[in-house]
Every structure is written in structure tokens, then in C-alpha cells.
Amino acid sequence: RVYRVARIAKLVKANQGLKALLLTLVKSLPSLFNVGSLLALLFFIFAVMGMNLYGDAIQDGANLRRYNNFETFGTSMITLFRCLTGENWPLIMYQLASPENYKNPDANNADSAPAFFLIFAIMGNFMMLNLFIAVILENFSE
């Protein structure tokens, strides 16, 4: 196994383009940490908002399940990560947008579900992805 790692190091030394890419990645790690911290803050804010807005939604087993709901902070983070990766987040949004899927159908936040998920998707996917790419390209140009 050590030999395999040594082969990679030998390959990096021999290829100048690969060496430049690796050095760019190493130089951009502090900036990527800042962007990652911003993403963690975004997750924290939306997880707390999701718990307050959708914590009383009924888990029917179809879209809201044991590890895919907003009842606790941990499951909220898991659900938001799942939404950020694009795994059927519209189905979760549609279920939370329906008033009959709550324990109290008269007092719920079903109207806010589309705005919540669309804002999270736009901020999470597009802005953060662009920030990561911008940091790497900025360090690559130097």
C-alpha cells in the first residue's frame, strides 16, 4: 500500500500540470474552509427553521421517514443534506406543502414549504458551488 502512495507521489513529481493543480488545491484549502463554514452556517439556519416550521409533519413512510424529517436537529441536517444532493427534494416539498400531512391540519406552515425549499436549493446548490469554483480558480490564476 505504501508503494501505491509512492507511485502517486512519483507521478506528481513527473507531471508539471498535475503538480500545479495539486499546489493550487493546497493553497486554496484555507479559503475552502471559509466557504465550508459558510455552508455549515446555512445548514444550521435552515435546519432550525425546518424544525420550527415542519417539525409536526406526519411521517407516512413515503417521503418523510425515520431519518428524513424535521423533528430533531440531526434529522433536519440529514434531510437538508439529502435535499442539497438533489435526492427527491421536490417530493418532500410537495408533502410538506400539503396541509393534511400535519398533526394539526388547521395550524401548520404548509404554505411556506415551496419558498423554504427553493431558497435553500438556490442558496445551497448554486451559490456555494460557484463560491467553491471561484476560490479554486482565483488560486489557480496566481
Protein backbone atom coordinates (compact mmCIF):
# COMPACT_ATOMS: atom_id res chain seq x y z
CA ARG A 1 0.00 0.00 0.00
CA VAL A 2 2.86 2.36 0.73
CA TYR A 3 4.23 1.57 -2.69
CA ARG A 4 0.97 2.69 -4.31
CA VAL A 5 1.12 6.04 -2.49
CA ALA A 6 4.74 6.41 -3.55
CA ARG A 7 3.72 5.82 -7.16
CA ILE A 8 1.25 8.71 -6.92
CA ALA A 9 3.94 10.98 -5.47
CA LYS A 10 6.29 9.95 -8.29
CA LEU A 11 3.58 10.73 -10.84
CA VAL A 12 3.04 14.20 -9.33
CA LYS A 13 6.76 14.96 -9.49
CA ALA A 14 6.95 13.91 -13.13
CA ASN A 15 3.87 15.77 -14.39
CA GLN A 16 4.14 19.56 -14.04
CA GLY A 17 0.44 20.18 -14.82
CA LEU A 18 -0.66 17.80 -12.11
CA LYS A 19 1.81 19.38 -9.72
CA ALA A 20 0.36 22.84 -10.43
CA LEU A 21 -3.18 21.57 -9.80
CA LEU A 22 -2.17 19.92 -6.53
CA LEU A 23 -0.38 23.05 -5.32
CA THR A 24 -3.42 25.14 -6.26
CA LEU A 25 -5.63 22.86 -4.22
CA VAL A 26 -3.30 23.06 -1.22
CA LYS A 27 -3.14 26.88 -1.48
CA SER A 28 -6.92 27.16 -1.65
CA LEU A 29 -7.65 24.99 1.42
CA PRO A 30 -7.95 27.93 3.88
CA SER A 31 -10.40 29.70 1.58
CA LEU A 32 -12.32 26.48 1.01
CA PHE A 33 -12.55 26.11 4.79
CA ASN A 34 -14.20 29.55 4.93
CA VAL A 35 -16.69 28.59 2.24
CA GLY A 36 -17.36 25.31 4.07
CA SER A 37 -18.02 27.25 7.26
CA LEU A 38 -20.49 29.43 5.40
CA LEU A 39 -22.21 26.30 4.09
CA ALA A 40 -22.37 24.87 7.63
CA LEU A 41 -23.97 28.12 8.83
CA LEU A 42 -26.53 27.89 6.01
CA PHE A 43 -27.32 24.30 7.02
CA PHE A 44 -27.67 25.31 10.68
CA ILE A 45 -30.04 28.18 9.92
CA PHE A 46 -32.25 26.12 7.61
CA ALA A 47 -32.24 23.11 9.98
CA VAL A 48 -33.53 25.24 12.84
CA MET A 49 -36.09 26.89 10.56
CA GLY A 50 -37.19 23.47 9.29
CA MET A 51 -37.61 22.17 12.83
CA ASN A 52 -39.78 25.15 13.75
CA LEU A 53 -41.85 25.11 10.57
CA TYR A 54 -42.20 21.41 9.75
CA GLY A 55 -41.43 19.54 12.97
CA ASP A 56 -45.04 18.39 13.36
CA ALA A 57 -45.37 16.84 9.89
CA ILE A 58 -46.65 13.26 9.77
CA GLN A 59 -44.13 10.60 8.75
CA ASP A 60 -46.01 8.46 6.27
CA GLY A 61 -43.07 6.33 5.15
CA ALA A 62 -43.20 7.55 1.56
CA ASN A 63 -41.17 10.76 1.65
CA LEU A 64 -40.89 11.56 5.35
CA ARG A 65 -39.37 8.65 7.22
CA ARG A 66 -37.32 7.90 10.32
CA TYR A 67 -34.16 9.62 9.06
CA ASN A 68 -35.85 12.02 6.65
CA ASN A 69 -37.89 14.54 8.64
CA PHE A 70 -37.59 17.77 10.58
CA GLU A 71 -38.40 16.55 14.10
CA THR A 72 -34.88 16.81 15.53
CA PHE A 73 -31.80 18.82 14.66
CA GLY A 74 -29.86 15.78 13.47
CA THR A 75 -32.57 14.50 11.17
CA SER A 76 -33.10 18.06 9.90
CA MET A 77 -29.43 18.23 8.91
CA ILE A 78 -29.64 14.82 7.21
CA THR A 79 -32.79 15.85 5.35
CA LEU A 80 -31.23 19.12 4.20
CA PHE A 81 -28.09 17.29 3.04
CA ARG A 82 -30.32 14.94 1.09
CA CYS A 83 -32.12 17.91 -0.45
CA LEU A 84 -28.83 19.59 -1.32
CA THR A 85 -27.65 16.50 -3.17
CA GLY A 86 -30.88 16.59 -5.19
CA GLU A 87 -32.36 13.32 -3.99
CA ASN A 88 -36.13 13.75 -4.44
CA TRP A 89 -36.35 17.04 -2.62
CA PRO A 90 -39.43 18.10 -4.65
CA LEU A 91 -41.36 15.13 -3.24
CA ILE A 92 -40.50 16.21 0.30
CA MET A 93 -41.50 19.77 -0.56
CA TYR A 94 -44.85 18.65 -2.05
CA GLN A 95 -45.63 16.56 1.01
CA LEU A 96 -44.81 19.40 3.39
CA ALA A 97 -46.84 21.82 1.24
CA SER A 98 -49.99 19.76 1.78
CA PRO A 99 -51.93 20.79 4.95
CA GLU A 100 -53.36 17.30 5.54
CA ASN A 101 -49.85 15.92 6.18
CA TYR A 102 -49.57 17.65 9.57
CA LYS A 103 -50.69 16.52 13.01
CA ASN A 104 -52.78 19.70 13.28
CA PRO A 105 -54.19 20.43 9.80
CA ASP A 106 -55.63 23.77 10.89
CA ALA A 107 -52.41 25.28 12.28
CA ASN A 108 -49.45 24.45 10.04
CA ASN A 109 -46.85 26.10 7.86
CA ALA A 110 -47.66 24.28 4.62
CA ASP A 111 -47.73 27.49 2.59
CA SER A 112 -44.07 28.23 3.31
CA ALA A 113 -42.69 24.87 2.09
CA PRO A 114 -42.11 25.85 -1.56
CA ALA A 115 -40.32 29.06 -0.61
CA PHE A 116 -38.23 27.26 2.03
CA PHE A 117 -37.02 24.53 -0.31
CA LEU A 118 -36.49 26.76 -3.34
CA ILE A 119 -34.46 29.30 -1.37
CA PHE A 120 -32.40 26.50 0.18
CA ALA A 121 -31.81 24.86 -3.19
CA ILE A 122 -30.76 28.11 -4.83
CA MET A 123 -28.51 29.21 -2.00
CA GLY A 124 -27.07 25.77 -1.35
CA ASN A 125 -26.52 24.46 -4.84
CA PHE A 126 -25.78 27.45 -6.97
CA MET A 127 -24.16 29.97 -4.67
CA MET A 128 -21.98 27.54 -2.74
CA LEU A 129 -20.91 25.65 -5.85
CA ASN A 130 -19.95 28.92 -7.50
CA LEU A 131 -18.03 30.02 -4.41
CA PHE A 132 -16.01 26.79 -4.38
CA ILE A 133 -15.20 27.14 -8.07
CA ALA A 134 -14.32 30.83 -7.68
CA VAL A 135 -11.90 30.13 -4.82
CA ILE A 136 -10.11 27.40 -6.75
CA LEU A 137 -9.92 29.48 -9.95
CA GLU A 138 -8.64 32.50 -8.05
CA ASN A 139 -5.81 30.47 -6.53
CA PHE A 140 -5.10 28.79 -9.86
CA SER A 141 -4.61 32.15 -11.57
CA GLU A 142 -1.98 33.19 -9.00
